[in-house]
C-alpha atoms as a PDB file:
ATOM      1  CA  UNK A   1      -2.879 -28.671  -7.532  1.00  0.00           C
ATOM      2  CA  UNK A   2      -6.188 -27.207  -8.648  1.00  0.00           C
ATOM      3  CA  UNK A   3      -8.015 -26.327  -5.428  1.00  0.00           C
ATOM      4  CA  UNK A   4     -11.541 -26.741  -6.770  1.00  0.00           C
ATOM      5  CA  UNK A   5     -10.765 -30.101  -8.375  1.00  0.00           C
ATOM      6  CA  UNK A   6      -9.021 -31.346  -5.227  1.00  0.00           C
ATOM      7  CA  UNK A   7     -11.978 -30.409  -3.042  1.00  0.00           C
ATOM      8  CA  UNK A   8     -14.552 -31.925  -5.386  1.00  0.00           C
ATOM      9  CA  UNK A   9     -12.539 -35.153  -5.526  1.00  0.00           C
ATOM     10  CA  UNK A  10     -12.788 -35.315  -1.706  1.00  0.00           C
ATOM     11  CA  UNK A  11     -16.332 -34.058  -1.150  1.00  0.00           C
ATOM     12  CA  UNK A  12     -18.155 -34.493  -4.460  1.00  0.00           C
ATOM     13  CA  UNK A  13     -19.682 -31.861  -6.760  1.00  0.00           C
ATOM     14  CA  UNK A  14     -19.773 -28.406  -5.208  1.00  0.00           C
ATOM     15  CA  UNK A  15     -23.162 -27.487  -6.680  1.00  0.00           C
ATOM     16  CA  UNK A  16     -23.865 -23.809  -5.961  1.00  0.00           C
ATOM     17  CA  UNK A  17     -20.757 -23.344  -3.828  1.00  0.00           C
ATOM     18  CA  UNK A  18     -18.040 -21.088  -5.247  1.00  0.00           C
ATOM     19  CA  UNK A  19     -14.638 -22.718  -4.871  1.00  0.00           C
ATOM     20  CA  UNK A  20     -11.256 -21.293  -5.852  1.00  0.00           C
ATOM     21  CA  UNK A  21     -10.595 -22.602  -9.360  1.00  0.00           C
ATOM     22  CA  UNK A  22      -6.876 -21.915  -9.187  1.00  0.00           C
ATOM     23  CA  UNK A  23      -3.687 -23.954  -9.473  1.00  0.00           C
ATOM     24  CA  UNK A  24      -1.546 -23.648  -6.348  1.00  0.00           C
ATOM     25  CA  UNK A  25       1.686 -25.270  -5.225  1.00  0.00           C
ATOM     26  CA  UNK A  26       0.149 -26.162  -1.867  1.00  0.00           C
ATOM     27  CA  UNK A  27       3.516 -27.200  -0.396  1.00  0.00           C
ATOM     28  CA  UNK A  28       4.835 -23.640  -0.867  1.00  0.00           C
ATOM     29  CA  UNK A  29       2.015 -21.949   1.054  1.00  0.00           C
ATOM     30  CA  UNK A  30       3.009 -20.743   4.541  1.00  0.00           C
ATOM     31  CA  UNK A  31       0.011 -18.530   5.350  1.00  0.00           C
ATOM     32  CA  UNK A  32      -3.716 -18.695   4.690  1.00  0.00           C
ATOM     33  CA  UNK A  33      -5.949 -15.651   4.899  1.00  0.00           C
ATOM     34  CA  UNK A  34      -9.629 -16.456   5.386  1.00  0.00           C
ATOM     35  CA  UNK A  35     -11.973 -13.731   4.167  1.00  0.00           C
ATOM     36  CA  UNK A  36     -15.656 -13.819   5.129  1.00  0.00           C
ATOM     37  CA  UNK A  37     -17.757 -14.611   2.057  1.00  0.00           C
ATOM     38  CA  UNK A  38     -17.583 -15.019  -1.714  1.00  0.00           C
ATOM     39  CA  UNK A  39     -18.874 -12.151  -3.872  1.00  0.00           C
ATOM     40  CA  UNK A  40     -22.184 -12.345  -5.723  1.00  0.00           C
ATOM     41  CA  UNK A  41     -20.243 -12.388  -9.016  1.00  0.00           C
ATOM     42  CA  UNK A  42     -17.576 -15.148  -9.016  1.00  0.00           C
ATOM     43  CA  UNK A  43     -15.522 -13.157 -11.556  1.00  0.00           C
ATOM     44  CA  UNK A  44     -14.912 -10.550  -8.818  1.00  0.00           C
ATOM     45  CA  UNK A  45     -13.394 -13.035  -6.352  1.00  0.00           C
ATOM     46  CA  UNK A  46      -9.666 -13.157  -5.570  1.00  0.00           C
ATOM     47  CA  UNK A  47      -8.962 -15.679  -8.355  1.00  0.00           C
ATOM     48  CA  UNK A  48     -11.888 -14.687 -10.591  1.00  0.00           C
ATOM     49  CA  UNK A  49     -11.462 -13.625 -14.199  1.00  0.00           C
ATOM     50  CA  UNK A  50     -11.404  -9.956 -13.215  1.00  0.00           C
ATOM     51  CA  UNK A  51     -10.952 -10.013  -9.426  1.00  0.00           C
ATOM     52  CA  UNK A  52     -11.343  -6.259  -9.451  1.00  0.00           C
ATOM     53  CA  UNK A  53     -13.782  -6.013  -6.545  1.00  0.00           C
ATOM     54  CA  UNK A  54     -11.940  -8.153  -3.985  1.00  0.00           C
ATOM     55  CA  UNK A  55      -8.410  -7.279  -5.082  1.00  0.00           C
ATOM     56  CA  UNK A  56      -9.223  -3.544  -5.093  1.00  0.00           C
ATOM     57  CA  UNK A  57      -8.961  -3.546  -1.291  1.00  0.00           C
ATOM     58  CA  UNK A  58      -6.704  -6.569  -0.733  1.00  0.00           C
ATOM     59  CA  UNK A  59      -3.689  -5.473  -2.802  1.00  0.00           C
ATOM     60  CA  UNK A  60      -3.562  -2.006  -1.180  1.00  0.00           C
ATOM     61  CA  UNK A  61      -3.578  -3.678   2.261  1.00  0.00           C
ATOM     62  CA  UNK A  62      -0.496  -5.702   1.294  1.00  0.00           C
ATOM     63  CA  UNK A  63       1.154  -2.591  -0.124  1.00  0.00           C
ATOM     64  CA  UNK A  64       0.364  -0.619   3.056  1.00  0.00           C
ATOM     65  CA  UNK A  65       2.036  -3.494   4.931  1.00  0.00           C
ATOM     66  CA  UNK A  66       5.206  -2.770   2.912  1.00  0.00           C
ATOM     67  CA  UNK A  67       4.868  -5.781   0.607  1.00  0.00           C
ATOM     68  CA  UNK A  68       5.502  -5.129  -3.113  1.00  0.00           C
ATOM     69  CA  UNK A  69       2.534  -6.990  -4.609  1.00  0.00           C
ATOM     70  CA  UNK A  70       0.617  -6.037  -7.742  1.00  0.00           C
ATOM     71  CA  UNK A  71      -1.509  -9.150  -8.314  1.00  0.00           C
ATOM     72  CA  UNK A  72      -2.970 -12.241  -6.677  1.00  0.00           C
ATOM     73  CA  UNK A  73      -0.133 -14.230  -8.290  1.00  0.00           C
ATOM     74  CA  UNK A  74       2.403 -12.072  -6.414  1.00  0.00           C
ATOM     75  CA  UNK A  75       0.561 -12.885  -3.178  1.00  0.00           C
ATOM     76  CA  UNK A  76       0.627 -16.624  -3.946  1.00  0.00           C
ATOM     77  CA  UNK A  77       4.309 -16.393  -4.867  1.00  0.00           C
ATOM     78  CA  UNK A  78       5.104 -14.984  -1.425  1.00  0.00           C
ATOM     79  CA  UNK A  79       3.500 -18.105   0.090  1.00  0.00           C
ATOM     80  CA  UNK A  80       0.083 -16.657   0.973  1.00  0.00           C
ATOM     81  CA  UNK A  81      -3.190 -18.270  -0.091  1.00  0.00           C
ATOM     82  CA  UNK A  82      -6.477 -16.381   0.273  1.00  0.00           C
ATOM     83  CA  UNK A  83      -9.874 -18.031   0.525  1.00  0.00           C
ATOM     84  CA  UNK A  84     -13.394 -17.311   1.706  1.00  0.00           C
ATOM     85  CA  UNK A  85     -14.997 -18.939   4.739  1.00  0.00           C
ATOM     86  CA  UNK A  86     -18.509 -18.936   3.289  1.00  0.00           C
ATOM     87  CA  UNK A  87     -18.675 -20.348  -0.222  1.00  0.00           C
ATOM     88  CA  UNK A  88     -22.119 -18.953  -1.160  1.00  0.00           C
ATOM     89  CA  UNK A  89     -22.873 -15.226  -1.620  1.00  0.00           C
ATOM     90  CA  UNK A  90     -24.831 -13.299   0.979  1.00  0.00           C
ATOM     91  CA  UNK A  91     -28.518 -12.863   0.201  1.00  0.00           C
ATOM     92  CA  UNK A  92     -29.098 -10.469   3.115  1.00  0.00           C
ATOM     93  CA  UNK A  93     -26.987  -8.120   5.247  1.00  0.00           C
ATOM     94  CA  UNK A  94     -26.057 -10.942   7.627  1.00  0.00           C
ATOM     95  CA  UNK A  95     -24.727 -14.292   6.473  1.00  0.00           C
ATOM     96  CA  UNK A  96     -27.345 -16.979   6.951  1.00  0.00           C
ATOM     97  CA  UNK A  97     -26.635 -19.908   9.259  1.00  0.00           C
ATOM     98  CA  UNK A  98     -27.326 -22.374   6.434  1.00  0.00           C
ATOM     99  CA  UNK A  99     -24.508 -20.801   4.412  1.00  0.00           C
ATOM    100  CA  UNK A 100     -22.117 -21.239   7.312  1.00  0.00           C
ATOM    101  CA  UNK A 101     -23.094 -24.870   7.862  1.00  0.00           C
ATOM    102  CA  UNK A 102     -22.970 -25.770   4.167  1.00  0.00           C
ATOM    103  CA  UNK A 103     -19.538 -24.177   3.719  1.00  0.00           C
ATOM    104  CA  UNK A 104     -17.865 -25.489   6.876  1.00  0.00           C
ATOM    105  CA  UNK A 105     -16.808 -28.960   5.609  1.00  0.00           C
ATOM    106  CA  UNK A 106     -15.463 -27.376   2.419  1.00  0.00           C
ATOM    107  CA  UNK A 107     -13.375 -24.858   4.338  1.00  0.00           C
ATOM    108  CA  UNK A 108     -12.067 -27.592   6.624  1.00  0.00           C
ATOM    109  CA  UNK A 109     -11.090 -29.779   3.655  1.00  0.00           C
ATOM    110  CA  UNK A 110      -9.521 -26.777   1.918  1.00  0.00           C
ATOM    111  CA  UNK A 111      -7.319 -25.920   4.899  1.00  0.00           C
ATOM    112  CA  UNK A 112      -6.176 -29.560   5.046  1.00  0.00           C
ATOM    113  CA  UNK A 113      -4.698 -29.242   1.520  1.00  0.00           C
ATOM    114  CA  UNK A 114      -1.848 -27.075   2.833  1.00  0.00           C
ATOM    115  CA  UNK A 115       0.702 -29.107   4.837  1.00  0.00           C
ATOM    116  CA  UNK A 116       3.234 -26.376   5.725  1.00  0.00           C
ATOM    117  CA  UNK A 117       1.092 -23.504   6.967  1.00  0.00           C
ATOM    118  CA  UNK A 118       2.597 -21.424   9.785  1.00  0.00           C
ATOM    119  CA  UNK A 119      -0.067 -18.706  10.013  1.00  0.00           C
ATOM    120  CA  UNK A 120      -3.828 -18.500   9.544  1.00  0.00           C
ATOM    121  CA  UNK A 121      -5.267 -14.993   9.394  1.00  0.00           C
ATOM    122  CA  UNK A 122      -8.959 -14.650  10.185  1.00  0.00           C
ATOM    123  CA  UNK A 123     -10.185 -11.606   8.304  1.00  0.00           C
ATOM    124  CA  UNK A 124     -13.408 -10.748  10.115  1.00  0.00           C
ATOM    125  CA  UNK A 125     -15.828 -12.243  12.611  1.00  0.00           C
ATOM    126  CA  UNK A 126     -17.328 -14.850  10.258  1.00  0.00           C
ATOM    127  CA  UNK A 127     -13.879 -16.269   9.518  1.00  0.00           C
ATOM    128  CA  UNK A 128     -13.139 -16.320  13.252  1.00  0.00           C
ATOM    129  CA  UNK A 129     -16.410 -18.125  14.003  1.00  0.00           C
ATOM    130  CA  UNK A 130     -15.893 -20.766  11.324  1.00  0.00           C
ATOM    131  CA  UNK A 131     -12.245 -21.419  12.216  1.00  0.00           C
ATOM    132  CA  UNK A 132     -13.248 -21.818  15.858  1.00  0.00           C
ATOM    133  CA  UNK A 133     -15.803 -24.448  14.812  1.00  0.00           C
ATOM    134  CA  UNK A 134     -13.096 -26.388  12.976  1.00  0.00           C
ATOM    135  CA  UNK A 135     -10.703 -26.095  15.934  1.00  0.00           C
ATOM    136  CA  UNK A 136     -13.329 -27.255  18.444  1.00  0.00           C
ATOM    137  CA  UNK A 137     -13.511 -30.617  16.663  1.00  0.00           C
ATOM    138  CA  UNK A 138      -9.870 -31.167  17.630  1.00  0.00           C
ATOM    139  CA  UNK A 139      -9.308 -29.223  20.838  1.00  0.00           C
ATOM    140  CA  UNK A 140     -12.853 -28.979  22.261  1.00  0.00           C
ATOM    141  CA  UNK A 141     -12.347 -25.227  22.685  1.00  0.00           C
ATOM    142  CA  UNK A 142     -12.154 -22.047  20.639  1.00  0.00           C
ATOM    143  CA  UNK A 143      -8.751 -20.906  19.429  1.00  0.00           C
ATOM    144  CA  UNK A 144      -9.854 -17.265  19.456  1.00  0.00           C
ATOM    145  CA  UNK A 145     -11.912 -16.194  22.489  1.00  0.00           C
ATOM    146  CA  UNK A 146     -14.864 -13.849  22.325  1.00  0.00           C
ATOM    147  CA  UNK A 147     -14.012 -10.182  22.341  1.00  0.00           C
ATOM    148  CA  UNK A 148     -13.282  -7.180  20.201  1.00  0.00           C
ATOM    149  CA  UNK A 149     -10.685  -7.799  17.509  1.00  0.00           C
ATOM    150  CA  UNK A 150      -8.682  -4.696  18.416  1.00  0.00           C
ATOM    151  CA  UNK A 151      -8.203  -6.133  21.923  1.00  0.00           C
ATOM    152  CA  UNK A 152      -7.426  -9.682  20.741  1.00  0.00           C
ATOM    153  CA  UNK A 153      -4.993  -8.981  17.912  1.00  0.00           C
ATOM    154  CA  UNK A 154      -1.992  -8.342  20.176  1.00  0.00           C
ATOM    155  CA  UNK A 155      -2.288 -11.780  21.813  1.00  0.00           C
ATOM    156  CA  UNK A 156      -0.588 -14.730  20.086  1.00  0.00           C
ATOM    157  CA  UNK A 157      -3.046 -17.609  19.598  1.00  0.00           C
ATOM    158  CA  UNK A 158      -2.102 -21.066  18.344  1.00  0.00           C
ATOM    159  CA  UNK A 159      -3.834 -24.073  16.822  1.00  0.00           C
ATOM    160  CA  UNK A 160      -1.177 -26.707  17.331  1.00  0.00           C
ATOM    161  CA  UNK A 161       1.959 -25.121  15.843  1.00  0.00           C
ATOM    162  CA  UNK A 162      -0.008 -22.715  13.635  1.00  0.00           C
ATOM    163  CA  UNK A 163      -0.231 -19.074  14.687  1.00  0.00           C
ATOM    164  CA  UNK A 164      -3.814 -17.868  14.359  1.00  0.00           C
ATOM    165  CA  UNK A 165      -4.291 -14.118  13.945  1.00  0.00           C
ATOM    166  CA  UNK A 166      -7.670 -12.386  14.240  1.00  0.00           C
ATOM    167  CA  UNK A 167      -7.888  -9.315  12.038  1.00  0.00           C
ATOM    168  CA  UNK A 168     -10.403  -7.294  10.034  1.00  0.00           C
ATOM    169  CA  UNK A 169     -12.361  -8.017   6.881  1.00  0.00           C
ATOM    170  CA  UNK A 170     -10.326  -7.106   3.806  1.00  0.00           C
ATOM    171  CA  UNK A 171     -13.016  -6.745   1.158  1.00  0.00           C
ATOM    172  CA  UNK A 172     -15.983  -4.487   0.556  1.00  0.00           C
ATOM    173  CA  UNK A 173     -16.457  -0.741   0.536  1.00  0.00           C
ATOM    174  CA  UNK A 174     -16.702  -0.400   4.322  1.00  0.00           C
ATOM    175  CA  UNK A 175     -13.027  -1.134   4.885  1.00  0.00           C
ATOM    176  CA  UNK A 176     -12.086   1.995   2.955  1.00  0.00           C
ATOM    177  CA  UNK A 177     -14.205   4.110   5.307  1.00  0.00           C
ATOM    178  CA  UNK A 178     -12.697   2.810   8.549  1.00  0.00           C
ATOM    179  CA  UNK A 179      -9.095   4.007   8.317  1.00  0.00           C
ATOM    180  CA  UNK A 180      -8.107   2.589  11.724  1.00  0.00           C
ATOM    181  CA  UNK A 181      -9.157  -0.910  10.612  1.00  0.00           C
ATOM    182  CA  UNK A 182      -7.191  -0.524   7.377  1.00  0.00           C
ATOM    183  CA  UNK A 183      -4.117   0.401   9.416  1.00  0.00           C
ATOM    184  CA  UNK A 184      -4.563  -2.508  11.830  1.00  0.00           C
ATOM    185  CA  UNK A 185      -5.198  -5.052   9.043  1.00  0.00           C
ATOM    186  CA  UNK A 186      -2.048  -3.848   7.237  1.00  0.00           C
ATOM    187  CA  UNK A 187      -0.064  -4.175  10.486  1.00  0.00           C
ATOM    188  CA  UNK A 188      -1.390  -7.725  10.903  1.00  0.00           C
ATOM    189  CA  UNK A 189      -0.419  -8.607   7.317  1.00  0.00           C
ATOM    190  CA  UNK A 190       3.072  -7.233   7.945  1.00  0.00           C
ATOM    191  CA  UNK A 191       3.343  -9.355  11.110  1.00  0.00           C
ATOM    192  CA  UNK A 192       2.198 -12.432   9.176  1.00  0.00           C
ATOM    193  CA  UNK A 193       4.787 -11.772   6.468  1.00  0.00           C
ATOM    194  CA  UNK A 194       7.526 -11.558   9.118  1.00  0.00           C
ATOM    195  CA  UNK A 195       6.523 -14.955  10.564  1.00  0.00           C
ATOM    196  CA  UNK A 196       6.613 -16.745   7.202  1.00  0.00           C
ATOM    197  CA  UNK A 197       9.882 -15.191   5.943  1.00  0.00           C
END
């Protein structure tokens, strides 16, 4: 299934939103990783024509987790799909509320394309906030409570039967500076891989 085409058939033309234009066997996906926001240049995204910017930090995180991946296709083949919570690039340091609101129905529809997911990883606070908004429609409460990620990550959280794991953002230059977050994100990826084996 082409993700972009499937979403546009449900919700109409995406306009300025950047959707993953990638073919995925959605039935084979067991884990979804939700990154915070699309890059300014769509070619730099996970499934973009170069993908260099986003994959430059993502692939090393998988490798640090002990997973022998070299490409986004290797990640998909292990049953892991990566997407972005906010489908429009940041125009300022913080992500604008309008971007969150505009992207939310698209993220919700995207998650619904994957019927056999066992784990959702929330890579950063924006992903956590948006997933909580989706969950509140069903459960009337947040899946992930407020609090520092390093304190929350040891607690198992569930949305129905799906394990929901808060972790750290996996893209951008800042992750390379904060070695402790790199280590914790890699540990979380390793834990996710164990669950979906």
